[in-house]
Each structure stands twice: as structure tokens, then as C-alpha cells.
C-alpha atoms as a PDB file:
ATOM      1  CA  MET A   1     -11.487 -34.756 -12.408  1.00  0.00           C
ATOM      2  CA  ILE A   2     -14.913 -33.803 -11.373  1.00  0.00           C
ATOM      3  CA  ALA A   3     -13.595 -31.694  -8.559  1.00  0.00           C
ATOM      4  CA  ALA A   4     -11.228 -30.026 -10.890  1.00  0.00           C
ATOM      5  CA  ALA A   5     -13.960 -29.249 -13.333  1.00  0.00           C
ATOM      6  CA  VAL A   6     -16.154 -27.737 -10.472  1.00  0.00           C
ATOM      7  CA  ARG A   7     -13.130 -25.612  -9.316  1.00  0.00           C
ATOM      8  CA  SER A   8     -12.560 -24.464 -12.975  1.00  0.00           C
ATOM      9  CA  VAL A   9     -16.267 -23.344 -13.187  1.00  0.00           C
ATOM     10  CA  SER A  10     -16.084 -21.740  -9.814  1.00  0.00           C
ATOM     11  CA  ASP A  11     -12.981 -19.865 -10.701  1.00  0.00           C
ATOM     12  CA  ARG A  12     -14.682 -18.537 -13.814  1.00  0.00           C
ATOM     13  CA  TRP A  13     -17.683 -17.356 -11.960  1.00  0.00           C
ATOM     14  CA  ILE A  14     -15.368 -15.447  -9.498  1.00  0.00           C
ATOM     15  CA  PHE A  15     -13.625 -13.853 -12.442  1.00  0.00           C
ATOM     16  CA  LEU A  16     -16.842 -12.780 -13.986  1.00  0.00           C
ATOM     17  CA  VAL A  17     -18.175 -11.381 -10.729  1.00  0.00           C
ATOM     18  CA  LEU A  18     -14.927  -9.390 -10.221  1.00  0.00           C
ATOM     19  CA  ALA A  19     -15.047  -8.172 -13.849  1.00  0.00           C
ATOM     20  CA  GLY A  20     -18.735  -7.154 -13.344  1.00  0.00           C
ATOM     21  CA  ALA A  21     -17.833  -5.260 -10.225  1.00  0.00           C
ATOM     22  CA  ALA A  22     -15.174  -3.251 -12.159  1.00  0.00           C
ATOM     23  CA  ALA A  23     -17.808  -2.576 -15.002  1.00  0.00           C
ATOM     24  CA  PHE A  24     -20.312  -1.272 -12.347  1.00  0.00           C
ATOM     25  CA  GLN A  25     -17.663   0.990 -10.905  1.00  0.00           C
ATOM     26  CA  LEU A  26     -16.883   2.433 -14.239  1.00  0.00           C
ATOM     27  CA  LEU A  27     -20.532   2.843 -15.442  1.00  0.00           C
ATOM     28  CA  PHE A  28     -22.094   4.108 -12.312  1.00  0.00           C
ATOM     29  CA  ALA A  29     -19.423   6.330 -10.723  1.00  0.00           C
ATOM     30  CA  VAL A  30     -20.598   9.932 -10.507  1.00  0.00           C
ATOM     31  CA  PRO A  31     -19.847  11.932 -13.616  1.00  0.00           C
ATOM     32  CA  GLY A  32     -18.403  15.344 -13.886  1.00  0.00           C
ATOM     33  CA  VAL A  33     -15.012  14.213 -12.485  1.00  0.00           C
ATOM     34  CA  SER A  34     -11.706  14.156 -14.488  1.00  0.00           C
ATOM     35  CA  ALA A  35      -9.599  11.064 -14.623  1.00  0.00           C
ATOM     36  CA  HIS A  36      -7.616  12.248 -11.568  1.00  0.00           C
ATOM     37  CA  GLY A  37     -10.623  13.754  -9.761  1.00  0.00           C
ATOM     38  CA  GLY A  38     -11.221  17.393 -10.197  1.00  0.00           C
ATOM     39  CA  ILE A  39     -14.411  18.607  -8.346  1.00  0.00           C
ATOM     40  CA  ASP A  40     -16.708  20.732 -10.388  1.00  0.00           C
ATOM     41  CA  ALA A  41     -18.157  23.969  -8.784  1.00  0.00           C
ATOM     42  CA  GLY A  42     -21.224  23.244  -6.674  1.00  0.00           C
ATOM     43  CA  GLN A  43     -20.597  19.647  -6.437  1.00  0.00           C
ATOM     44  CA  ASN A  44     -20.709  17.825  -3.225  1.00  0.00           C
ATOM     45  CA  PRO A  45     -17.059  16.607  -2.670  1.00  0.00           C
ATOM     46  CA  TRP A  46     -18.196  13.381  -1.219  1.00  0.00           C
ATOM     47  CA  THR A  47     -20.088  12.363  -4.308  1.00  0.00           C
ATOM     48  CA  ALA A  48     -16.997  12.732  -6.593  1.00  0.00           C
ATOM     49  CA  TRP A  49     -15.263   9.404  -7.418  1.00  0.00           C
ATOM     50  CA  ASN A  50     -12.204   8.863  -9.453  1.00  0.00           C
ATOM     51  CA  THR A  51     -13.697   7.144 -12.560  1.00  0.00           C
ATOM     52  CA  ASN A  52     -10.615   5.696 -13.850  1.00  0.00           C
ATOM     53  CA  PRO A  53     -11.321   2.002 -13.608  1.00  0.00           C
ATOM     54  CA  LEU A  54      -7.498   0.876 -13.777  1.00  0.00           C
ATOM     55  CA  PRO A  55      -6.955   0.726  -9.974  1.00  0.00           C
ATOM     56  CA  THR A  56     -10.233  -1.038  -9.304  1.00  0.00           C
ATOM     57  CA  VAL A  57      -9.353  -3.630 -11.968  1.00  0.00           C
ATOM     58  CA  LEU A  58      -5.856  -4.166 -10.566  1.00  0.00           C
ATOM     59  CA  LEU A  59      -7.235  -4.537  -7.141  1.00  0.00           C
ATOM     60  CA  LEU A  60      -9.863  -7.133  -8.374  1.00  0.00           C
ATOM     61  CA  MET A  61      -7.116  -9.150 -10.126  1.00  0.00           C
ATOM     62  CA  ALA A  62      -5.242  -9.229  -6.961  1.00  0.00           C
ATOM     63  CA  ALA A  63      -8.170 -10.405  -4.958  1.00  0.00           C
ATOM     64  CA  TYR A  64      -8.920 -13.024  -7.636  1.00  0.00           C
ATOM     65  CA  LEU A  65      -5.395 -14.371  -7.626  1.00  0.00           C
ATOM     66  CA  TYR A  66      -5.382 -14.628  -3.814  1.00  0.00           C
ATOM     67  CA  ILE A  67      -8.907 -16.393  -3.679  1.00  0.00           C
ATOM     68  CA  ASN A  68      -7.983 -18.687  -6.547  1.00  0.00           C
ATOM     69  CA  GLY A  69      -4.619 -19.552  -5.059  1.00  0.00           C
ATOM     70  CA  LEU A  70      -6.224 -20.498  -1.714  1.00  0.00           C
ATOM     71  CA  SER A  71      -8.824 -22.623  -3.397  1.00  0.00           C
ATOM     72  CA  ASN A  72      -6.010 -24.488  -5.357  1.00  0.00           C
ATOM     73  CA  TRP A  73      -3.968 -24.883  -2.247  1.00  0.00           C
ATOM     74  CA  GLU A  74      -5.304 -28.353  -1.075  1.00  0.00           C
ATOM     75  CA  ARG A  75      -2.723 -29.328   1.526  1.00  0.00           C
ATOM     76  CA  PRO A  76      -1.000 -26.045   2.636  1.00  0.00           C
ATOM     77  CA  SER A  77       2.243 -26.396   4.522  1.00  0.00           C
ATOM     78  CA  HIS A  78       1.650 -23.047   6.153  1.00  0.00           C
ATOM     79  CA  PRO A  79      -2.181 -22.299   6.227  1.00  0.00           C
ATOM     80  CA  VAL A  80      -3.371 -18.775   5.854  1.00  0.00           C
ATOM     81  CA  ASN A  81      -5.564 -17.940   9.020  1.00  0.00           C
ATOM     82  CA  ASN A  82      -8.825 -16.054   8.708  1.00  0.00           C
ATOM     83  CA  TRP A  83      -7.325 -12.921  10.325  1.00  0.00           C
ATOM     84  CA  GLN A  84      -4.615 -13.008   7.632  1.00  0.00           C
ATOM     85  CA  LYS A  85      -7.205 -13.151   4.904  1.00  0.00           C
ATOM     86  CA  ALA A  86      -9.177 -10.343   6.472  1.00  0.00           C
ATOM     87  CA  SER A  87      -6.015  -8.289   6.748  1.00  0.00           C
ATOM     88  CA  PHE A  88      -5.207  -8.958   3.039  1.00  0.00           C
ATOM     89  CA  PHE A  89      -8.631  -7.768   1.809  1.00  0.00           C
ATOM     90  CA  PHE A  90      -8.749  -4.827   4.173  1.00  0.00           C
ATOM     91  CA  GLY A  91      -5.335  -3.625   2.626  1.00  0.00           C
ATOM     92  CA  LEU A  92      -6.832  -3.872  -0.770  1.00  0.00           C
ATOM     93  CA  PHE A  93      -9.892  -1.861   0.483  1.00  0.00           C
ATOM     94  CA  LEU A  94      -7.449   0.846   1.908  1.00  0.00           C
ATOM     95  CA  ILE A  95      -5.973   1.121  -1.489  1.00  0.00           C
ATOM     96  CA  PHE A  96      -9.451   1.402  -3.115  1.00  0.00           C
ATOM     97  CA  VAL A  97     -10.334   4.162  -0.690  1.00  0.00           C
ATOM     98  CA  ALA A  98      -7.084   5.927  -1.465  1.00  0.00           C
ATOM     99  CA  LEU A  99      -7.333   5.890  -5.257  1.00  0.00           C
ATOM    100  CA  GLN A 100     -11.029   5.588  -6.241  1.00  0.00           C
ATOM    101  CA  SER A 101     -13.134   7.079  -3.334  1.00  0.00           C
ATOM    102  CA  PRO A 102     -13.941  10.769  -2.907  1.00  0.00           C
ATOM    103  CA  LEU A 103     -10.581  11.005  -1.087  1.00  0.00           C
ATOM    104  CA  ASP A 104      -8.834  11.187  -4.514  1.00  0.00           C
ATOM    105  CA  PRO A 105     -10.593  14.098  -5.996  1.00  0.00           C
ATOM    106  CA  ILE A 106     -10.528  15.988  -2.629  1.00  0.00           C
ATOM    107  CA  ALA A 107      -6.797  15.305  -2.527  1.00  0.00           C
ATOM    108  CA  ASP A 108      -6.339  17.245  -5.521  1.00  0.00           C
ATOM    109  CA  HIS A 109      -7.905  20.340  -3.832  1.00  0.00           C
ATOM    110  CA  MET A 110      -6.587  20.148  -0.369  1.00  0.00           C
ATOM    111  CA  LEU A 111      -3.154  19.117   0.962  1.00  0.00           C
ATOM    112  CA  SER A 112      -4.510  17.643   4.227  1.00  0.00           C
ATOM    113  CA  PHE A 113      -6.527  15.033   2.334  1.00  0.00           C
ATOM    114  CA  HIS A 114      -3.609  14.376   0.165  1.00  0.00           C
ATOM    115  CA  GLN A 115      -1.462  13.475   3.032  1.00  0.00           C
ATOM    116  CA  VAL A 116      -4.094  11.110   4.185  1.00  0.00           C
ATOM    117  CA  GLN A 117      -4.125   9.512   0.832  1.00  0.00           C
ATOM    118  CA  HIS A 118      -0.424   9.028   0.901  1.00  0.00           C
ATOM    119  CA  PHE A 119      -0.444   7.667   4.478  1.00  0.00           C
ATOM    120  CA  LEU A 120      -2.837   4.972   3.307  1.00  0.00           C
ATOM    121  CA  LEU A 121      -0.760   4.168   0.307  1.00  0.00           C
ATOM    122  CA  ARG A 122       2.723   4.260   1.878  1.00  0.00           C
ATOM    123  CA  MET A 123       2.052   3.001   5.554  1.00  0.00           C
ATOM    124  CA  MET A 124      -1.309   1.397   6.074  1.00  0.00           C
ATOM    125  CA  ALA A 125      -2.226  -0.603   2.870  1.00  0.00           C
ATOM    126  CA  PRO A 126       1.047  -2.306   2.340  1.00  0.00           C
ATOM    127  CA  LEU A 127       1.187  -3.386   5.971  1.00  0.00           C
ATOM    128  CA  PHE A 128      -2.158  -4.936   5.987  1.00  0.00           C
ATOM    129  CA  VAL A 129      -1.659  -6.643   2.582  1.00  0.00           C
ATOM    130  CA  LEU A 130       1.670  -8.201   3.589  1.00  0.00           C
ATOM    131  CA  LEU A 131       0.186  -9.371   6.965  1.00  0.00           C
ATOM    132  CA  GLY A 132      -2.223 -11.493   4.750  1.00  0.00           C
ATOM    133  CA  ALA A 133       0.819 -13.645   3.682  1.00  0.00           C
ATOM    134  CA  PRO A 134      -0.105 -13.099  -0.075  1.00  0.00           C
ATOM    135  CA  LEU A 135       2.969 -14.637  -1.586  1.00  0.00           C
ATOM    136  CA  THR A 136       2.035 -18.195  -1.881  1.00  0.00           C
ATOM    137  CA  PRO A 137      -1.681 -17.762  -2.542  1.00  0.00           C
ATOM    138  CA  MET A 138      -1.244 -15.258  -5.312  1.00  0.00           C
ATOM    139  CA  LEU A 139       1.601 -17.387  -6.915  1.00  0.00           C
ATOM    140  CA  ARG A 140      -0.747 -20.444  -6.759  1.00  0.00           C
ATOM    141  CA  GLY A 141      -3.607 -18.328  -8.296  1.00  0.00           C
ATOM    142  CA  LEU A 142      -1.647 -17.660 -11.401  1.00  0.00           C
ATOM    143  CA  PRO A 143      -2.416 -19.412 -14.642  1.00  0.00           C
ATOM    144  CA  ALA A 144      -0.038 -22.384 -15.262  1.00  0.00           C
ATOM    145  CA  TRP A 145       1.471 -20.789 -18.391  1.00  0.00           C
ATOM    146  CA  ALA A 146       2.346 -17.761 -16.205  1.00  0.00           C
ATOM    147  CA  LEU A 147       3.780 -19.719 -13.424  1.00  0.00           C
ATOM    148  CA  GLN A 148       5.811 -22.002 -15.606  1.00  0.00           C
ATOM    149  CA  GLY A 149       6.656 -19.605 -18.301  1.00  0.00           C
ATOM    150  CA  ILE A 150       7.503 -16.465 -16.402  1.00  0.00           C
ATOM    151  CA  VAL A 151       7.727 -16.951 -12.569  1.00  0.00           C
ATOM    152  CA  LYS A 152       9.854 -19.918 -12.516  1.00  0.00           C
ATOM    153  CA  PRO A 153      12.561 -18.852 -15.156  1.00  0.00           C
ATOM    154  CA  THR A 154      12.497 -15.495 -13.388  1.00  0.00           C
ATOM    155  CA  VAL A 155      13.169 -17.066  -9.988  1.00  0.00           C
ATOM    156  CA  LYS A 156      16.005 -19.230 -11.476  1.00  0.00           C
ATOM    157  CA  ASN A 157      17.589 -16.190 -13.262  1.00  0.00           C
ATOM    158  CA  GLU A 158      20.832 -14.960 -11.532  1.00  0.00           C
ATOM    159  CA  HIS A 159      20.309 -11.296 -12.504  1.00  0.00           C
ATOM    160  CA  ALA A 160      16.753 -11.450 -11.060  1.00  0.00           C
ATOM    161  CA  ARG A 161      17.869 -12.860  -7.807  1.00  0.00           C
ATOM    162  CA  LYS A 162      20.695 -10.127  -7.645  1.00  0.00           C
ATOM    163  CA  ALA A 163      17.887  -7.518  -8.288  1.00  0.00           C
ATOM    164  CA  TYR A 164      15.685  -8.994  -5.665  1.00  0.00           C
ATOM    165  CA  ASN A 165      18.574  -8.893  -3.175  1.00  0.00           C
ATOM    166  CA  LEU A 166      19.213  -5.299  -3.882  1.00  0.00           C
ATOM    167  CA  LEU A 167      15.595  -4.172  -3.706  1.00  0.00           C
ATOM    168  CA  THR A 168      15.052  -5.876  -0.527  1.00  0.00           C
ATOM    169  CA  ASN A 169      18.249  -4.594   1.111  1.00  0.00           C
ATOM    170  CA  PRO A 170      17.327  -2.792   4.273  1.00  0.00           C
ATOM    171  CA  VAL A 171      19.581   0.073   3.475  1.00  0.00           C
ATOM    172  CA  PHE A 172      17.918   0.472   0.012  1.00  0.00           C
ATOM    173  CA  THR A 173      14.256   0.012   1.279  1.00  0.00           C
ATOM    174  CA  VAL A 174      14.483   2.642   4.089  1.00  0.00           C
ATOM    175  CA  GLY A 175      16.394   4.963   1.623  1.00  0.00           C
ATOM    176  CA  PHE A 176      13.728   4.443  -1.002  1.00  0.00           C
ATOM    177  CA  PHE A 177      10.993   4.808   1.503  1.00  0.00           C
ATOM    178  CA  MET A 178      12.032   8.202   2.853  1.00  0.00           C
ATOM    179  CA  GLY A 179      13.593   9.273  -0.378  1.00  0.00           C
ATOM    180  CA  SER A 180      10.302   9.016  -2.343  1.00  0.00           C
ATOM    181  CA  LEU A 181       8.508  10.769   0.396  1.00  0.00           C
ATOM    182  CA  TYR A 182      11.036  13.836   0.426  1.00  0.00           C
ATOM    183  CA  LEU A 183      11.126  13.901  -3.377  1.00  0.00           C
ATOM    184  CA  TRP A 184       7.371  14.211  -3.784  1.00  0.00           C
ATOM    185  CA  GLN A 185       7.081  16.764  -0.917  1.00  0.00           C
ATOM    186  CA  PHE A 186       9.441  19.172  -2.634  1.00  0.00           C
ATOM    187  CA  PRO A 187       7.353  21.945  -4.040  1.00  0.00           C
ATOM    188  CA  GLY A 188       8.400  21.553  -7.606  1.00  0.00           C
ATOM    189  CA  ALA A 189       7.611  17.802  -7.760  1.00  0.00           C
ATOM    190  CA  PHE A 190       4.425  18.094  -5.815  1.00  0.00           C
ATOM    191  CA  ASN A 191       3.067  21.017  -7.920  1.00  0.00           C
ATOM    192  CA  LEU A 192       4.043  19.086 -11.132  1.00  0.00           C
ATOM    193  CA  ALA A 193       2.132  16.067  -9.972  1.00  0.00           C
ATOM    194  CA  LEU A 194      -0.964  18.000  -9.085  1.00  0.00           C
ATOM    195  CA  ARG A 195      -0.914  19.588 -12.634  1.00  0.00           C
ATOM    196  CA  HIS A 196      -0.232  16.482 -14.620  1.00  0.00           C
ATOM    197  CA  ASP A 197      -2.083  13.074 -14.263  1.00  0.00           C
ATOM    198  CA  ALA A 198       0.763  11.009 -15.481  1.00  0.00           C
ATOM    199  CA  ILE A 199       3.238  12.528 -12.860  1.00  0.00           C
ATOM    200  CA  HIS A 200       0.541  12.133 -10.230  1.00  0.00           C
ATOM    201  CA  ALA A 201       0.272   8.523 -11.052  1.00  0.00           C
ATOM    202  CA  LEU A 202       3.932   8.092 -10.890  1.00  0.00           C
ATOM    203  CA  MET A 203       3.947   9.632  -7.472  1.00  0.00           C
ATOM    204  CA  HIS A 204       1.364   7.103  -6.163  1.00  0.00           C
ATOM    205  CA  LEU A 205       3.159   4.321  -7.810  1.00  0.00           C
ATOM    206  CA  THR A 206       6.459   5.052  -6.245  1.00  0.00           C
ATOM    207  CA  MET A 207       5.099   5.757  -2.833  1.00  0.00           C
ATOM    208  CA  SER A 208       3.119   2.555  -2.820  1.00  0.00           C
ATOM    209  CA  ALA A 209       6.133   0.561  -4.024  1.00  0.00           C
ATOM    210  CA  SER A 210       8.359   1.985  -1.482  1.00  0.00           C
ATOM    211  CA  GLY A 211       5.744   1.224   1.200  1.00  0.00           C
ATOM    212  CA  PHE A 212       5.547  -2.444   0.139  1.00  0.00           C
ATOM    213  CA  LEU A 213       9.406  -2.810   0.126  1.00  0.00           C
ATOM    214  CA  PHE A 214       9.804  -1.156   3.424  1.00  0.00           C
ATOM    215  CA  TRP A 215       7.335  -3.410   5.135  1.00  0.00           C
ATOM    216  CA  TRP A 216       8.558  -6.456   3.299  1.00  0.00           C
ATOM    217  CA  VAL A 217      11.663  -6.227   5.417  1.00  0.00           C
ATOM    218  CA  VAL A 218       9.637  -6.103   8.703  1.00  0.00           C
ATOM    219  CA  ILE A 219       6.866  -8.532   8.080  1.00  0.00           C
ATOM    220  CA  ASP A 220       7.778 -12.241   7.390  1.00  0.00           C
ATOM    221  CA  PRO A 221       4.793 -14.555   7.131  1.00  0.00           C
ATOM    222  CA  LYS A 222       5.734 -17.970   5.789  1.00  0.00           C
ATOM    223  CA  PRO A 223       7.401 -18.793   3.388  1.00  0.00           C
ATOM    224  CA  HIS A 224       9.143 -15.438   3.436  1.00  0.00           C
ATOM    225  CA  ARG A 225      11.697 -14.710   6.168  1.00  0.00           C
ATOM    226  CA  SER A 226      13.140 -11.366   6.720  1.00  0.00           C
ATOM    227  CA  ARG A 227      16.927 -11.003   6.738  1.00  0.00           C
ATOM    228  CA  LEU A 228      16.815  -8.712   9.743  1.00  0.00           C
ATOM    229  CA  HIS A 229      16.769  -9.828  13.425  1.00  0.00           C
ATOM    230  CA  TYR A 230      14.030  -8.528  15.551  1.00  0.00           C
ATOM    231  CA  GLY A 231      16.299  -6.109  17.330  1.00  0.00           C
ATOM    232  CA  LEU A 232      17.450  -4.649  13.945  1.00  0.00           C
ATOM    233  CA  ARG A 233      13.801  -4.421  12.845  1.00  0.00           C
ATOM    234  CA  VAL A 234      13.188  -2.211  15.851  1.00  0.00           C
ATOM    235  CA  LEU A 235      16.069  -0.041  14.798  1.00  0.00           C
ATOM    236  CA  TYR A 236      14.901  -0.056  11.202  1.00  0.00           C
ATOM    237  CA  LEU A 237      11.482   1.213  12.169  1.00  0.00           C
ATOM    238  CA  GLY A 238      13.061   3.898  14.405  1.00  0.00           C
ATOM    239  CA  LEU A 239      15.349   5.265  11.575  1.00  0.00           C
ATOM    240  CA  ILE A 240      12.330   6.777   9.772  1.00  0.00           C
ATOM    241  CA  ILE A 241      10.930   8.668  12.794  1.00  0.00           C
ATOM    242  CA  LEU A 242      13.412  11.584  12.838  1.00  0.00           C
ATOM    243  CA  PRO A 243      13.270  12.393   9.030  1.00  0.00           C
ATOM    244  CA  ASN A 244       9.459  12.015   8.972  1.00  0.00           C
ATOM    245  CA  THR A 245       9.222  14.421  11.957  1.00  0.00           C
ATOM    246  CA  VAL A 246      11.525  17.038  10.409  1.00  0.00           C
ATOM    247  CA  LEU A 247       9.561  17.046   7.257  1.00  0.00           C
ATOM    248  CA  GLY A 248       6.121  17.095   8.900  1.00  0.00           C
ATOM    249  CA  ALA A 249       7.317  19.924  11.321  1.00  0.00           C
ATOM    250  CA  ALA A 250       8.631  21.989   8.369  1.00  0.00           C
ATOM    251  CA  ILE A 251       5.376  21.900   6.609  1.00  0.00           C
ATOM    252  CA  THR A 252       3.394  22.443   9.722  1.00  0.00           C
ATOM    253  CA  PHE A 253       5.192  25.553  10.957  1.00  0.00           C
ATOM    254  CA  SER A 254       5.728  27.174   7.722  1.00  0.00           C
ATOM    255  CA  ASN A 255       4.461  30.642   7.463  1.00  0.00           C
ATOM    256  CA  SER A 256       4.070  30.695   3.714  1.00  0.00           C
ATOM    257  CA  ILE A 257       2.238  28.669   1.145  1.00  0.00           C
ATOM    258  CA  ILE A 258       4.472  25.897  -0.078  1.00  0.00           C
ATOM    259  CA  TYR A 259       2.450  24.136  -2.732  1.00  0.00           C
ATOM    260  CA  SER A 260       1.152  26.890  -5.140  1.00  0.00           C
ATOM    261  CA  ALA A 261      -0.793  24.490  -7.330  1.00  0.00           C
ATOM    262  CA  TYR A 262      -3.487  24.459  -4.678  1.00  0.00           C
ATOM    263  CA  ALA A 263      -4.053  28.110  -5.337  1.00  0.00           C
ATOM    264  CA  ASP A 264      -5.068  27.306  -8.948  1.00  0.00           C
ATOM    265  CA  VAL A 265      -8.061  25.010  -7.852  1.00  0.00           C
ATOM    266  CA  ARG A 266     -11.342  25.659  -6.026  1.00  0.00           C
ATOM    267  CA  GLN A 267     -11.278  24.961  -2.213  1.00  0.00           C
ATOM    268  CA  PRO A 268     -14.240  22.672  -1.415  1.00  0.00           C
ATOM    269  CA  TYR A 269     -14.278  23.786   2.232  1.00  0.00           C
ATOM    270  CA  ASP A 270     -13.972  27.140   3.900  1.00  0.00           C
ATOM    271  CA  ILE A 271     -10.354  26.540   5.047  1.00  0.00           C
ATOM    272  CA  SER A 272      -7.520  28.843   4.173  1.00  0.00           C
ATOM    273  CA  LEU A 273      -4.578  27.428   2.153  1.00  0.00           C
ATOM    274  CA  LEU A 274      -2.252  28.092   5.081  1.00  0.00           C
ATOM    275  CA  THR A 275      -4.596  26.179   7.534  1.00  0.00           C
ATOM    276  CA  ASP A 276      -4.988  23.302   5.151  1.00  0.00           C
ATOM    277  CA  GLN A 277      -1.158  23.167   4.742  1.00  0.00           C
ATOM    278  CA  GLN A 278      -0.692  23.103   8.552  1.00  0.00           C
ATOM    279  CA  LEU A 279      -3.287  20.224   8.761  1.00  0.00           C
ATOM    280  CA  GLY A 280      -1.387  18.368   5.996  1.00  0.00           C
ATOM    281  CA  GLY A 281       1.954  18.661   7.861  1.00  0.00           C
ATOM    282  CA  LEU A 282       0.355  17.236  11.009  1.00  0.00           C
ATOM    283  CA  MET A 283      -1.159  14.420   8.943  1.00  0.00           C
ATOM    284  CA  LEU A 284       2.232  13.581   7.632  1.00  0.00           C
ATOM    285  CA  TRP A 285       3.968  14.073  10.974  1.00  0.00           C
ATOM    286  CA  VAL A 286       1.914  12.394  13.686  1.00  0.00           C
ATOM    287  CA  PRO A 287       0.241   9.401  12.160  1.00  0.00           C
ATOM    288  CA  GLY A 288       3.577   8.482  10.522  1.00  0.00           C
ATOM    289  CA  ASP A 289       5.515   8.684  13.711  1.00  0.00           C
ATOM    290  CA  MET A 290       2.768   6.817  15.619  1.00  0.00           C
ATOM    291  CA  MET A 291       2.737   3.980  13.002  1.00  0.00           C
ATOM    292  CA  SER A 292       6.452   3.470  13.403  1.00  0.00           C
ATOM    293  CA  VAL A 293       6.377   3.452  17.143  1.00  0.00           C
ATOM    294  CA  LEU A 294       3.358   1.077  17.271  1.00  0.00           C
ATOM    295  CA  ALA A 295       4.936  -1.309  14.606  1.00  0.00           C
ATOM    296  CA  ALA A 296       8.255  -1.272  16.565  1.00  0.00           C
ATOM    297  CA  GLY A 297       6.273  -2.094  19.826  1.00  0.00           C
ATOM    298  CA  VAL A 298       4.701  -5.068  18.012  1.00  0.00           C
ATOM    299  CA  VAL A 299       8.116  -6.361  16.865  1.00  0.00           C
ATOM    300  CA  MET A 300       9.517  -6.098  20.377  1.00  0.00           C
ATOM    301  CA  ILE A 301       6.616  -8.296  21.702  1.00  0.00           C
ATOM    302  CA  MET A 302       7.127 -10.851  18.891  1.00  0.00           C
ATOM    303  CA  TRP A 303      10.861 -10.846  19.805  1.00  0.00           C
ATOM    304  CA  TYR A 304      10.091 -11.435  23.383  1.00  0.00           C
ATOM    305  CA  GLN A 305       7.695 -14.124  22.654  1.00  0.00           C
ATOM    306  CA  ARG A 306      10.208 -15.950  20.333  1.00  0.00           C
ATOM    307  CA  GLU A 307      12.921 -15.595  22.802  1.00  0.00           C
ATOM    308  CA  GLU A 308      10.638 -17.226  25.554  1.00  0.00           C
ATOM    309  CA  ALA A 309       9.641 -20.029  23.233  1.00  0.00           C
ATOM    310  CA  GLU A 310      13.264 -20.827  22.511  1.00  0.00           C
ATOM    311  CA  ASN A 311      14.214 -20.631  26.117  1.00  0.00           C
ATOM    312  CA  GLN A 312      11.320 -22.873  27.055  1.00  0.00           C
ATOM    313  CA  ALA A 313      12.271 -25.396  24.307  1.00  0.00           C
ATOM    314  CA  LYS A 314      15.894 -25.453  25.557  1.00  0.00           C
ATOM    315  CA  SER A 315      14.868 -26.084  29.175  1.00  0.00           C
ATOM    316  CA  THR A 316      12.625 -28.997  28.149  1.00  0.00           C
ATOM    317  CA  ALA A 317      15.057 -30.566  25.779  1.00  0.00           C
ATOM    318  CA  PRO A 318      16.670 -33.870  27.101  1.00  0.00           C
END
């Protein structure tokens, strides 16, 4: 009972610290920036922060659930290693950098920075968060009323299970992953997002969601297990390389300005719109392909190690 009381007090303090951090970010972020990060004339771009506190609050909530769940997990059946914890928090940090740091305001003025932002949200952050094995800790970190009244009934619901099976189907995830990328790279949708904060938020939400679903099929820390064999995971990762290359090359080698909305805003650096567009195409093309190749290589190594372990187990079996 005493231990439970101490843990409860500790959890409250953690929550207060996280809430205080969110308030600090809201109160002391540099003024003169719109909700989605326009840069005022004469302002140093690297002192402009996105002052909308919602992303920070959501990230702090995720961190709190993860920490609280680990502290409540007294006898873990599959312990979360220190490197996994570090990976989870690094993934949250990348989301913070993408949505709250000066990267966000500059992205509203330059395509090259916008593509870096998308790369973090689609490729990097979901990968590191899921490598942190967040499923069990975050579920255990939920309040009892949420776990019993929302999570368990949802898990038992037949329609919810069917929806989960659809959303995690490899055909759907890879289609959603590349489809959302192509949709938001079309000039009409991209320009609309740059000119309207709500559409811009929808762009980031769909790209991030597609990234989490895409990597969910590849990464399977316990208790989650991917439905794909390692060989199919390599093929799955390879499927996105060609369409990513085609799109990146089309933007890079275009001789005309594709995204006219950037002509309506001030350019913080002495770079032409066309040069910035070419850099943006390269940022979409090269890092995206490299991530897919590196991830496929890691999967092949894991596949080899598992096969070796199984063969060794068979050879030593009586």
C-alpha cells in the first residue's frame, strides 16, 4: 500500500513536470510567429518557433504514459531495454523538432526544409518510436477507467478487430504510405496546405499516420508480431523505392516552379525558388531511398540471425 501511494505521488509529480514544460514552451516561445510559423521580415529564421502548444502537449502525454506504464510494470514478461527506451524518446524528440522547432516556420517558406520535415514525420520518427516497443508500456500507463472502459471493449469488438486487420494489411499500409506522399506533393494539395493551417495540419497528420502504419508491419517488438515473413518485409521495403525515386526525380529535374505558394511568401535565404525546389526534390529522393535500403539490410541481417538460431537449436535438439 505504501509503495502504491509513493508511486501515485511520483506519477503526479511527473505529470506536473510535463505540464509545466508545456506551459514553458507556450509562454516563452519567440513571439511574432503565426500558429503555423510564418517568419516576420528581418527575423532570424532560427529564432522562430511554432507557438501552437498542441504538438508538445500530445508528445508530453505520450512520454508520460510510457514512463508511467514502465513504472507500473513490476514483472515484465518482455522487458523494455535501455536502448529501446532511448529510441522511443528520440522518436518523440524528432516529432518535436519537426512540428515545434524553427524547422516548421522555415518549412512554410522553403520546400527543401518542408521535405526535411516530412522525412522526419514519415520515415524517421515513427521508426524510432516503434523500436521503443511502446505498446505495452503505454497501455499500462493509461488510467484504469480508460483501460477497462475503452481499450478492453474496443479490443473485444469484432468491428474494431476487422478495422485493425484492414489498417495493418501490408497492401493497405504501403498504398497509404505512398498514396499520402503523392497526394500532398501534387501542386494543388500542397499549395492549399501552405495557405491554410487546418489543411496543413491534416497533411502532417496523414503523413505521420501513414508512417506509423508502414513501419508497424516491419517492426515487431513484443508483444506485437508482424504478419510478414522477413523475406516479404525486404520486398515490402523495396516496393516504395521506385515510386519515391520517380517523384523525387520529377521535382528535382523540373525546369518550372511547381509550388506557386512559395512565391507568395518571403524567402529567408538568398536562394532562388527553383534551386530550393531542386534541393527539396533531392531531400525527398535520396534520404527516402537510403532509409528503405538501410532498413531492408537490417531486416536481412535479422532474418539471417533468426535462421542461424533456429538451425542451431535443431542441431542441438535430442
